[in-house]
Amino acid sequence: MIEQLLAALNFELFRVGGTSFTVILLVLLLAGLVLIFVGSKYLQRLVSQHLLRRTRLDMGAREAVGTIVRYIAVVLGFLILLPTAGINLSVLAVVAGAVGIGVGFGLQTIADNFISGIIIMFERPIKVGDRIEVGDVHGQVTAIKARATTVLTNDNISVIVPNSRFISENVVNWTHSGELVRFRVEVGVAYGSDVKLVSRVLLDAARKCPDVLDDPEPTVRLKEFGDSALVFQLLVWSSTLVQRRGKLLSDVNFLVHEALYTNDIVIPFPQRDLHLRTGWSGAEERRS
């Protein structure tokens, strides 16, 4: 019985180069692969969440270092596993040739995204926790992986964005230089309004918002003379609602509207004058 089991385990399934692949060899390879990937994942978490937690690196940098350590661990694991299992490393040349053909015929996108992921981790144009805009995707970066980056929108929807888009397209990173961001609120008031009063009212309204910073302080600009309104621009700074831009603008707009109404400052709306030609009366006479 034991001899039959050993014979089954040592049964040659196929041969690549000078290496004979048996059942027992494939089982050992599978177990080694599981160990490599599980161990590398644990090592990544250990590095990013524990070993580097006491350093001055931010969360994005820790995640990038942890991911790179994981890739190195996987490569080293393969280099150790294959010779240990009795596989000649020259076999990798055959495998690499097959992979090269695959890349040439259909894996260009995967290779492009993988290389782009490596570039992102080293150059760090974006990092975990950043507020970004790429195309029509707006949200917070929650994970940067080898093939794609996960962006969480304000609707709690995760959008998986291929890494190549962050290299080939324009990316707006709201928090690349820190959490301090300036927001613009445009307000139109009727012609004839006291512009100094309007400026003072807008500043007072902005200061009432708890998420608007006093330093840098809010400012007001008379932007332009519109068709039906004097257009002011209220500039406010915030570091707490960068991830929720819509809420900040809404809060400021509520306060601005209340302040303008309290001070009897009119918010105009477009008006059109209708001019009737003299021929209209003649048409009415003909109809009668």
C-alpha atoms as a PDB file:
ATOM      1  CA  MET A   1       0.000   0.000   0.000  1.00  0.00           C
ATOM      2  CA  ILE A   2       2.789   2.393   0.954  1.00  0.00           C
ATOM      3  CA  GLU A   3       4.744   1.453  -2.153  1.00  0.00           C
ATOM      4  CA  GLN A   4       1.709   2.222  -4.346  1.00  0.00           C
ATOM      5  CA  LEU A   5       1.223   5.585  -2.631  1.00  0.00           C
ATOM      6  CA  LEU A   6       4.881   6.471  -3.126  1.00  0.00           C
ATOM      7  CA  ALA A   7       4.684   5.395  -6.737  1.00  0.00           C
ATOM      8  CA  ALA A   8       1.630   7.601  -7.272  1.00  0.00           C
ATOM      9  CA  LEU A   9       3.305  10.577  -5.620  1.00  0.00           C
ATOM     10  CA  ASN A  10       6.448  10.120  -7.706  1.00  0.00           C
ATOM     11  CA  PHE A  11       4.527   9.653 -10.938  1.00  0.00           C
ATOM     12  CA  GLU A  12       5.920  11.950 -13.596  1.00  0.00           C
ATOM     13  CA  LEU A  13       3.246  14.264 -14.971  1.00  0.00           C
ATOM     14  CA  PHE A  14       5.379  16.214 -17.427  1.00  0.00           C
ATOM     15  CA  ARG A  15       8.930  17.336 -18.028  1.00  0.00           C
ATOM     16  CA  VAL A  16      10.281  20.825 -18.696  1.00  0.00           C
ATOM     17  CA  GLY A  17      13.902  20.930 -19.783  1.00  0.00           C
ATOM     18  CA  GLY A  18      15.726  18.534 -17.517  1.00  0.00           C
ATOM     19  CA  THR A  19      13.267  18.823 -14.633  1.00  0.00           C
ATOM     20  CA  SER A  20      10.674  16.114 -14.013  1.00  0.00           C
ATOM     21  CA  PHE A  21       7.428  17.386 -12.472  1.00  0.00           C
ATOM     22  CA  THR A  22       5.836  14.747 -10.259  1.00  0.00           C
ATOM     23  CA  VAL A  23       2.695  14.814  -8.108  1.00  0.00           C
ATOM     24  CA  ILE A  24       4.660  15.283  -4.877  1.00  0.00           C
ATOM     25  CA  LEU A  25       6.702  18.089  -6.468  1.00  0.00           C
ATOM     26  CA  LEU A  26       3.559  19.967  -7.527  1.00  0.00           C
ATOM     27  CA  VAL A  27       2.065  19.553  -4.050  1.00  0.00           C
ATOM     28  CA  LEU A  28       5.238  20.939  -2.469  1.00  0.00           C
ATOM     29  CA  LEU A  29       5.305  23.816  -4.952  1.00  0.00           C
ATOM     30  CA  LEU A  30       1.664  24.654  -4.229  1.00  0.00           C
ATOM     31  CA  ALA A  31       2.276  24.591  -0.481  1.00  0.00           C
ATOM     32  CA  GLY A  32       5.378  26.753  -0.929  1.00  0.00           C
ATOM     33  CA  LEU A  33       3.495  29.276  -3.042  1.00  0.00           C
ATOM     34  CA  VAL A  34       0.741  29.567  -0.444  1.00  0.00           C
ATOM     35  CA  LEU A  35       3.363  30.050   2.259  1.00  0.00           C
ATOM     36  CA  ILE A  36       5.177  32.711   0.212  1.00  0.00           C
ATOM     37  CA  PHE A  37       2.075  34.779  -0.539  1.00  0.00           C
ATOM     38  CA  VAL A  38       0.580  34.483   2.946  1.00  0.00           C
ATOM     39  CA  GLY A  39       3.938  35.191   4.587  1.00  0.00           C
ATOM     40  CA  SER A  40       4.640  38.173   2.341  1.00  0.00           C
ATOM     41  CA  LYS A  41       1.212  39.627   3.149  1.00  0.00           C
ATOM     42  CA  TYR A  42       1.902  39.241   6.864  1.00  0.00           C
ATOM     43  CA  LEU A  43       5.359  40.778   6.411  1.00  0.00           C
ATOM     44  CA  GLN A  44       3.852  43.758   4.575  1.00  0.00           C
ATOM     45  CA  ARG A  45       1.389  44.343   7.415  1.00  0.00           C
ATOM     46  CA  LEU A  46       4.138  43.938  10.024  1.00  0.00           C
ATOM     47  CA  VAL A  47       6.362  46.510   8.307  1.00  0.00           C
ATOM     48  CA  SER A  48       3.714  49.123   7.470  1.00  0.00           C
ATOM     49  CA  GLN A  49       1.539  48.919  10.589  1.00  0.00           C
ATOM     50  CA  HIS A  50       4.044  48.056  13.324  1.00  0.00           C
ATOM     51  CA  LEU A  51       7.735  48.531  12.503  1.00  0.00           C
ATOM     52  CA  LEU A  52       7.312  51.861  10.673  1.00  0.00           C
ATOM     53  CA  ARG A  53       4.546  53.179  12.891  1.00  0.00           C
ATOM     54  CA  ARG A  54       7.035  54.835  15.249  1.00  0.00           C
ATOM     55  CA  THR A  55       8.794  56.657  12.427  1.00  0.00           C
ATOM     56  CA  ARG A  56       7.877  60.042  10.956  1.00  0.00           C
ATOM     57  CA  LEU A  57       6.619  58.470   7.740  1.00  0.00           C
ATOM     58  CA  ASP A  58       2.958  59.112   6.971  1.00  0.00           C
ATOM     59  CA  MET A  59       0.469  56.343   6.289  1.00  0.00           C
ATOM     60  CA  GLY A  60       0.954  56.481   2.522  1.00  0.00           C
ATOM     61  CA  ALA A  61       4.734  56.128   2.786  1.00  0.00           C
ATOM     62  CA  ARG A  62       4.403  53.218   5.218  1.00  0.00           C
ATOM     63  CA  GLU A  63       2.014  51.434   2.861  1.00  0.00           C
ATOM     64  CA  ALA A  64       4.366  51.993  -0.088  1.00  0.00           C
ATOM     65  CA  VAL A  65       7.383  50.629   1.803  1.00  0.00           C
ATOM     66  CA  GLY A  66       5.346  47.649   3.017  1.00  0.00           C
ATOM     67  CA  THR A  67       4.212  46.831  -0.533  1.00  0.00           C
ATOM     68  CA  ILE A  68       7.757  47.024  -1.906  1.00  0.00           C
ATOM     69  CA  VAL A  69       8.979  44.750   0.915  1.00  0.00           C
ATOM     70  CA  ARG A  70       6.235  42.297  -0.014  1.00  0.00           C
ATOM     71  CA  TYR A  71       7.329  42.219  -3.677  1.00  0.00           C
ATOM     72  CA  ILE A  72      10.938  41.618  -2.645  1.00  0.00           C
ATOM     73  CA  ALA A  73       9.835  38.836  -0.282  1.00  0.00           C
ATOM     74  CA  VAL A  74       7.853  37.146  -3.071  1.00  0.00           C
ATOM     75  CA  VAL A  75      10.829  37.260  -5.474  1.00  0.00           C
ATOM     76  CA  LEU A  76      13.242  35.932  -2.857  1.00  0.00           C
ATOM     77  CA  GLY A  77      10.725  33.250  -1.906  1.00  0.00           C
ATOM     78  CA  PHE A  78      10.578  32.030  -5.497  1.00  0.00           C
ATOM     79  CA  LEU A  79      14.370  32.038  -5.793  1.00  0.00           C
ATOM     80  CA  ILE A  80      14.600  29.897  -2.642  1.00  0.00           C
ATOM     81  CA  LEU A  81      11.619  27.628  -3.333  1.00  0.00           C
ATOM     82  CA  LEU A  82      12.526  26.502  -6.827  1.00  0.00           C
ATOM     83  CA  PRO A  83      16.058  25.223  -6.129  1.00  0.00           C
ATOM     84  CA  THR A  84      14.860  23.652  -2.874  1.00  0.00           C
ATOM     85  CA  ALA A  85      12.188  21.743  -4.802  1.00  0.00           C
ATOM     86  CA  GLY A  86      14.854  20.510  -7.205  1.00  0.00           C
ATOM     87  CA  ILE A  87      13.876  22.753 -10.120  1.00  0.00           C
ATOM     88  CA  ASN A  88      16.734  24.104 -12.178  1.00  0.00           C
ATOM     89  CA  LEU A  89      16.501  27.890 -12.422  1.00  0.00           C
ATOM     90  CA  SER A  90      17.267  27.607 -16.125  1.00  0.00           C
ATOM     91  CA  VAL A  91      13.665  26.451 -16.453  1.00  0.00           C
ATOM     92  CA  LEU A  92      12.704  30.030 -15.666  1.00  0.00           C
ATOM     93  CA  ALA A  93      14.110  31.027 -19.041  1.00  0.00           C
ATOM     94  CA  VAL A  94      11.487  28.861 -20.718  1.00  0.00           C
ATOM     95  CA  VAL A  95       8.755  30.277 -18.500  1.00  0.00           C
ATOM     96  CA  ALA A  96       9.991  33.828 -19.100  1.00  0.00           C
ATOM     97  CA  GLY A  97       9.848  33.212 -22.844  1.00  0.00           C
ATOM     98  CA  ALA A  98       6.254  32.037 -22.570  1.00  0.00           C
ATOM     99  CA  VAL A  99       5.354  35.037 -20.439  1.00  0.00           C
ATOM    100  CA  GLY A 100       7.032  37.330 -22.952  1.00  0.00           C
ATOM    101  CA  ILE A 101       4.886  35.919 -25.734  1.00  0.00           C
ATOM    102  CA  GLY A 102       1.808  36.393 -23.544  1.00  0.00           C
ATOM    103  CA  VAL A 103       2.742  40.001 -22.855  1.00  0.00           C
ATOM    104  CA  GLY A 104       3.227  40.582 -26.553  1.00  0.00           C
ATOM    105  CA  PHE A 105      -0.203  39.204 -27.454  1.00  0.00           C
ATOM    106  CA  GLY A 106      -2.485  40.339 -24.676  1.00  0.00           C
ATOM    107  CA  LEU A 107      -0.890  41.264 -21.371  1.00  0.00           C
ATOM    108  CA  GLN A 108       0.367  44.721 -22.310  1.00  0.00           C
ATOM    109  CA  THR A 109      -2.292  46.376 -20.168  1.00  0.00           C
ATOM    110  CA  ILE A 110      -1.457  44.264 -17.118  1.00  0.00           C
ATOM    111  CA  ALA A 111       2.262  44.921 -17.536  1.00  0.00           C
ATOM    112  CA  ASP A 112       1.572  48.642 -18.039  1.00  0.00           C
ATOM    113  CA  ASN A 113      -0.525  48.831 -14.870  1.00  0.00           C
ATOM    114  CA  PHE A 114       2.045  46.868 -12.867  1.00  0.00           C
ATOM    115  CA  ILE A 115       4.937  49.111 -13.940  1.00  0.00           C
ATOM    116  CA  SER A 116       2.776  52.178 -13.297  1.00  0.00           C
ATOM    117  CA  GLY A 117       2.070  50.853  -9.790  1.00  0.00           C
ATOM    118  CA  ILE A 118       5.804  50.567  -9.116  1.00  0.00           C
ATOM    119  CA  ILE A 119       6.333  54.138 -10.376  1.00  0.00           C
ATOM    120  CA  ILE A 120       3.527  55.416  -8.142  1.00  0.00           C
ATOM    121  CA  MET A 121       5.031  53.738  -5.086  1.00  0.00           C
ATOM    122  CA  PHE A 122       8.478  55.225  -5.713  1.00  0.00           C
ATOM    123  CA  GLU A 123       7.543  58.709  -6.957  1.00  0.00           C
ATOM    124  CA  ARG A 124       4.423  58.938  -4.763  1.00  0.00           C
ATOM    125  CA  PRO A 125       2.349  61.410  -6.824  1.00  0.00           C
ATOM    126  CA  ILE A 126      -0.547  59.951  -4.856  1.00  0.00           C
ATOM    127  CA  LYS A 127      -0.597  58.057  -1.570  1.00  0.00           C
ATOM    128  CA  VAL A 128      -3.091  56.358   0.696  1.00  0.00           C
ATOM    129  CA  GLY A 129      -5.344  58.967   2.299  1.00  0.00           C
ATOM    130  CA  ASP A 130      -5.043  61.551  -0.508  1.00  0.00           C
ATOM    131  CA  ARG A 131      -8.090  63.271  -1.966  1.00  0.00           C
ATOM    132  CA  ILE A 132      -7.766  62.935  -5.729  1.00  0.00           C
ATOM    133  CA  GLU A 133      -9.603  63.567  -8.971  1.00  0.00           C
ATOM    134  CA  VAL A 134      -8.791  61.550 -12.082  1.00  0.00           C
ATOM    135  CA  GLY A 135     -11.240  61.834 -14.949  1.00  0.00           C
ATOM    136  CA  ASP A 136     -14.741  61.599 -13.478  1.00  0.00           C
ATOM    137  CA  VAL A 137     -13.570  59.768 -10.333  1.00  0.00           C
ATOM    138  CA  HIS A 138     -13.428  61.879  -7.168  1.00  0.00           C
ATOM    139  CA  GLY A 139     -12.575  60.396  -3.791  1.00  0.00           C
ATOM    140  CA  GLN A 140     -10.033  59.284  -1.206  1.00  0.00           C
ATOM    141  CA  VAL A 141      -7.266  56.804  -2.002  1.00  0.00           C
ATOM    142  CA  THR A 142      -7.681  53.784   0.276  1.00  0.00           C
ATOM    143  CA  ALA A 143      -5.271  51.277  -1.301  1.00  0.00           C
ATOM    144  CA  ILE A 144      -2.517  51.216  -3.919  1.00  0.00           C
ATOM    145  CA  LYS A 145      -1.846  47.739  -5.277  1.00  0.00           C
ATOM    146  CA  ALA A 146       0.227  46.264  -8.086  1.00  0.00           C
ATOM    147  CA  ARG A 147      -2.453  46.528 -10.764  1.00  0.00           C
ATOM    148  CA  ALA A 148      -4.949  49.124  -9.590  1.00  0.00           C
ATOM    149  CA  THR A 149      -5.702  51.777  -6.982  1.00  0.00           C
ATOM    150  CA  THR A 150      -8.880  51.834  -4.909  1.00  0.00           C
ATOM    151  CA  VAL A 151     -10.636  55.203  -4.544  1.00  0.00           C
ATOM    152  CA  LEU A 152     -13.506  55.604  -2.061  1.00  0.00           C
ATOM    153  CA  THR A 153     -16.070  58.224  -3.082  1.00  0.00           C
ATOM    154  CA  ASN A 154     -18.201  60.292  -0.705  1.00  0.00           C
ATOM    155  CA  ASP A 155     -21.092  57.953  -1.554  1.00  0.00           C
ATOM    156  CA  ASN A 156     -19.102  55.107   0.070  1.00  0.00           C
ATOM    157  CA  ILE A 157     -18.536  53.504  -3.324  1.00  0.00           C
ATOM    158  CA  SER A 158     -15.139  51.972  -4.082  1.00  0.00           C
ATOM    159  CA  VAL A 159     -13.860  52.689  -7.592  1.00  0.00           C
ATOM    160  CA  ILE A 160     -11.023  50.504  -8.878  1.00  0.00           C
ATOM    161  CA  VAL A 161      -8.802  52.695 -11.080  1.00  0.00           C
ATOM    162  CA  PRO A 162      -6.017  51.113 -13.210  1.00  0.00           C
ATOM    163  CA  ASN A 163      -2.627  52.468 -12.178  1.00  0.00           C
ATOM    164  CA  SER A 164      -1.755  53.507 -15.727  1.00  0.00           C
ATOM    165  CA  ARG A 165      -4.375  56.285 -15.572  1.00  0.00           C
ATOM    166  CA  PHE A 166      -2.395  58.017 -12.826  1.00  0.00           C
ATOM    167  CA  ILE A 167       0.669  58.084 -15.091  1.00  0.00           C
ATOM    168  CA  SER A 168      -0.917  58.967 -18.443  1.00  0.00           C
ATOM    169  CA  GLU A 169      -3.673  61.394 -17.340  1.00  0.00           C
ATOM    170  CA  ASN A 170      -3.836  64.641 -15.404  1.00  0.00           C
ATOM    171  CA  VAL A 171      -4.462  63.912 -11.733  1.00  0.00           C
ATOM    172  CA  VAL A 172      -5.739  66.500  -9.261  1.00  0.00           C
ATOM    173  CA  ASN A 173      -4.369  65.749  -5.786  1.00  0.00           C
ATOM    174  CA  TRP A 174      -6.046  67.992  -3.215  1.00  0.00           C
ATOM    175  CA  THR A 175      -3.795  66.893  -0.339  1.00  0.00           C
ATOM    176  CA  HIS A 176      -0.456  66.414  -2.101  1.00  0.00           C
ATOM    177  CA  SER A 177       1.107  69.351  -0.266  1.00  0.00           C
ATOM    178  CA  GLY A 178      -0.896  68.964   2.946  1.00  0.00           C
ATOM    179  CA  GLU A 179      -4.414  69.142   4.311  1.00  0.00           C
ATOM    180  CA  LEU A 180      -4.687  72.932   3.916  1.00  0.00           C
ATOM    181  CA  VAL A 181      -6.841  73.832   0.894  1.00  0.00           C
ATOM    182  CA  ARG A 182      -8.465  77.053  -0.320  1.00  0.00           C
ATOM    183  CA  PHE A 183     -12.063  77.024  -1.557  1.00  0.00           C
ATOM    184  CA  ARG A 184     -13.859  79.594  -3.719  1.00  0.00           C
ATOM    185  CA  VAL A 185     -17.483  80.682  -3.238  1.00  0.00           C
ATOM    186  CA  GLU A 186     -18.927  83.037  -5.837  1.00  0.00           C
ATOM    187  CA  VAL A 187     -21.788  85.361  -4.864  1.00  0.00           C
ATOM    188  CA  GLY A 188     -23.706  87.766  -7.082  1.00  0.00           C
ATOM    189  CA  VAL A 189     -25.424  90.881  -5.654  1.00  0.00           C
ATOM    190  CA  ALA A 190     -27.544  93.530  -7.311  1.00  0.00           C
ATOM    191  CA  TYR A 191     -26.024  96.604  -8.905  1.00  0.00           C
ATOM    192  CA  GLY A 192     -26.257  99.565  -6.539  1.00  0.00           C
ATOM    193  CA  SER A 193     -25.341  97.494  -3.470  1.00  0.00           C
ATOM    194  CA  ASP A 194     -22.817  98.889  -1.002  1.00  0.00           C
ATOM    195  CA  VAL A 195     -19.734  96.912  -2.009  1.00  0.00           C
ATOM    196  CA  LYS A 196     -17.950  97.544   1.294  1.00  0.00           C
ATOM    197  CA  LEU A 197     -20.975  96.281   3.208  1.00  0.00           C
ATOM    198  CA  VAL A 198     -21.152  93.216   0.978  1.00  0.00           C
ATOM    199  CA  SER A 199     -17.466  92.470   1.603  1.00  0.00           C
ATOM    200  CA  ARG A 200     -17.882  92.822   5.349  1.00  0.00           C
ATOM    201  CA  VAL A 201     -21.022  90.654   5.403  1.00  0.00           C
ATOM    202  CA  LEU A 202     -19.340  87.883   3.397  1.00  0.00           C
ATOM    203  CA  LEU A 203     -16.318  87.833   5.703  1.00  0.00           C
ATOM    204  CA  ASP A 204     -18.499  87.725   8.816  1.00  0.00           C
ATOM    205  CA  ALA A 205     -20.504  84.841   7.345  1.00  0.00           C
ATOM    206  CA  ALA A 206     -17.346  82.876   6.534  1.00  0.00           C
ATOM    207  CA  ARG A 207     -15.955  83.323  10.048  1.00  0.00           C
ATOM    208  CA  LYS A 208     -19.117  81.800  11.520  1.00  0.00           C
ATOM    209  CA  CYS A 209     -18.370  78.482   9.821  1.00  0.00           C
ATOM    210  CA  PRO A 210     -16.432  76.277  12.283  1.00  0.00           C
ATOM    211  CA  ASP A 211     -14.540  74.528   9.460  1.00  0.00           C
ATOM    212  CA  VAL A 212     -13.189  77.781   7.989  1.00  0.00           C
ATOM    213  CA  LEU A 213      -9.750  78.721   9.315  1.00  0.00           C
ATOM    214  CA  ASP A 214      -8.900  82.124  10.783  1.00  0.00           C
ATOM    215  CA  ASP A 215      -5.302  81.728   9.653  1.00  0.00           C
ATOM    216  CA  PRO A 216      -5.058  82.044   6.700  1.00  0.00           C
ATOM    217  CA  GLU A 217      -8.005  84.372   7.031  1.00  0.00           C
ATOM    218  CA  PRO A 218     -10.916  84.558   4.563  1.00  0.00           C
ATOM    219  CA  THR A 219     -10.715  87.184   1.839  1.00  0.00           C
ATOM    220  CA  VAL A 220     -13.186  88.760  -0.583  1.00  0.00           C
ATOM    221  CA  ARG A 221     -12.596  89.873  -4.148  1.00  0.00           C
ATOM    222  CA  LEU A 222     -14.840  91.786  -6.526  1.00  0.00           C
ATOM    223  CA  LYS A 223     -14.383  89.395  -9.417  1.00  0.00           C
ATOM    224  CA  GLU A 224     -16.322  90.985 -12.260  1.00  0.00           C
ATOM    225  CA  PHE A 225     -19.226  93.113 -13.400  1.00  0.00           C
ATOM    226  CA  GLY A 226     -21.704  90.518 -14.642  1.00  0.00           C
ATOM    227  CA  ASP A 227     -24.691  90.941 -16.906  1.00  0.00           C
ATOM    228  CA  SER A 228     -27.101  91.327 -14.013  1.00  0.00           C
ATOM    229  CA  ALA A 229     -24.951  91.254 -10.877  1.00  0.00           C
ATOM    230  CA  LEU A 230     -21.762  92.315  -9.185  1.00  0.00           C
ATOM    231  CA  VAL A 231     -19.874  89.027  -8.802  1.00  0.00           C
ATOM    232  CA  PHE A 232     -17.874  88.643  -5.581  1.00  0.00           C
ATOM    233  CA  GLN A 233     -15.523  85.773  -4.789  1.00  0.00           C
ATOM    234  CA  LEU A 234     -15.231  84.600  -1.197  1.00  0.00           C
ATOM    235  CA  LEU A 235     -11.967  82.718  -0.543  1.00  0.00           C
ATOM    236  CA  VAL A 236     -11.846  80.490   2.535  1.00  0.00           C
ATOM    237  CA  TRP A 237      -9.292  78.006   3.856  1.00  0.00           C
ATOM    238  CA  SER A 238     -10.037  74.686   5.510  1.00  0.00           C
ATOM    239  CA  SER A 239      -8.109  71.660   6.736  1.00  0.00           C
ATOM    240  CA  THR A 240     -10.979  69.609   8.176  1.00  0.00           C
ATOM    241  CA  LEU A 241     -13.401  69.160   5.271  1.00  0.00           C
ATOM    242  CA  VAL A 242     -10.977  68.586   2.425  1.00  0.00           C
ATOM    243  CA  GLN A 243     -12.476  65.130   1.938  1.00  0.00           C
ATOM    244  CA  ARG A 244     -16.008  66.611   2.000  1.00  0.00           C
ATOM    245  CA  ARG A 245     -15.742  69.650  -0.233  1.00  0.00           C
ATOM    246  CA  GLY A 246     -19.472  69.742  -0.958  1.00  0.00           C
ATOM    247  CA  LYS A 247     -20.414  70.014   2.718  1.00  0.00           C
ATOM    248  CA  LEU A 248     -18.040  72.905   3.319  1.00  0.00           C
ATOM    249  CA  LEU A 249     -19.364  74.859   0.346  1.00  0.00           C
ATOM    250  CA  SER A 250     -22.939  74.138   1.397  1.00  0.00           C
ATOM    251  CA  ASP A 251     -22.326  75.317   4.974  1.00  0.00           C
ATOM    252  CA  VAL A 252     -20.720  78.540   3.740  1.00  0.00           C
ATOM    253  CA  ASN A 253     -23.512  79.135   1.217  1.00  0.00           C
ATOM    254  CA  PHE A 254     -26.173  78.780   3.935  1.00  0.00           C
ATOM    255  CA  LEU A 255     -24.386  81.308   6.127  1.00  0.00           C
ATOM    256  CA  VAL A 256     -23.856  83.717   3.211  1.00  0.00           C
ATOM    257  CA  HIS A 257     -27.500  83.558   2.168  1.00  0.00           C
ATOM    258  CA  GLU A 258     -28.663  84.225   5.727  1.00  0.00           C
ATOM    259  CA  ALA A 259     -26.264  87.153   6.114  1.00  0.00           C
ATOM    260  CA  LEU A 260     -27.297  88.766   2.822  1.00  0.00           C
ATOM    261  CA  TYR A 261     -30.989  88.396   3.668  1.00  0.00           C
ATOM    262  CA  THR A 262     -30.483  89.881   7.147  1.00  0.00           C
ATOM    263  CA  ASN A 263     -28.682  92.921   5.713  1.00  0.00           C
ATOM    264  CA  ASP A 264     -31.240  93.449   2.897  1.00  0.00           C
ATOM    265  CA  ILE A 265     -28.674  92.781   0.196  1.00  0.00           C
ATOM    266  CA  VAL A 266     -30.448  91.647  -2.950  1.00  0.00           C
ATOM    267  CA  ILE A 267     -29.324  88.559  -4.848  1.00  0.00           C
ATOM    268  CA  PRO A 268     -30.471  89.313  -8.421  1.00  0.00           C
ATOM    269  CA  PHE A 269     -31.709  86.937 -11.039  1.00  0.00           C
ATOM    270  CA  PRO A 270     -31.459  87.342 -14.810  1.00  0.00           C
ATOM    271  CA  GLN A 271     -34.181  89.541 -16.285  1.00  0.00           C
ATOM    272  CA  ARG A 272     -35.176  89.956 -19.910  1.00  0.00           C
ATOM    273  CA  ASP A 273     -37.108  92.846 -21.474  1.00  0.00           C
ATOM    274  CA  LEU A 274     -39.609  91.936 -24.171  1.00  0.00           C
ATOM    275  CA  HIS A 275     -40.018  94.598 -26.881  1.00  0.00           C
ATOM    276  CA  LEU A 276     -43.158  94.380 -29.061  1.00  0.00           C
ATOM    277  CA  ARG A 277     -42.930  95.812 -32.545  1.00  0.00           C
ATOM    278  CA  THR A 278     -45.569  98.246 -33.860  1.00  0.00           C
ATOM    279  CA  GLY A 279     -46.615  95.681 -36.417  1.00  0.00           C
ATOM    280  CA  TRP A 280     -48.163  93.636 -33.610  1.00  0.00           C
ATOM    281  CA  SER A 281     -51.163  95.978 -33.309  1.00  0.00           C
ATOM    282  CA  GLY A 282     -51.827  95.663 -37.041  1.00  0.00           C
ATOM    283  CA  ALA A 283     -51.782  91.903 -36.723  1.00  0.00           C
ATOM    284  CA  GLU A 284     -54.308  92.125 -33.899  1.00  0.00           C
ATOM    285  CA  GLU A 285     -56.606  94.296 -36.072  1.00  0.00           C
ATOM    286  CA  ARG A 286     -56.448  91.809 -38.921  1.00  0.00           C
ATOM    287  CA  ARG A 287     -57.305  88.948 -36.568  1.00  0.00           C
ATOM    288  CA  SER A 288     -60.334  90.842 -35.279  1.00  0.00           C
END
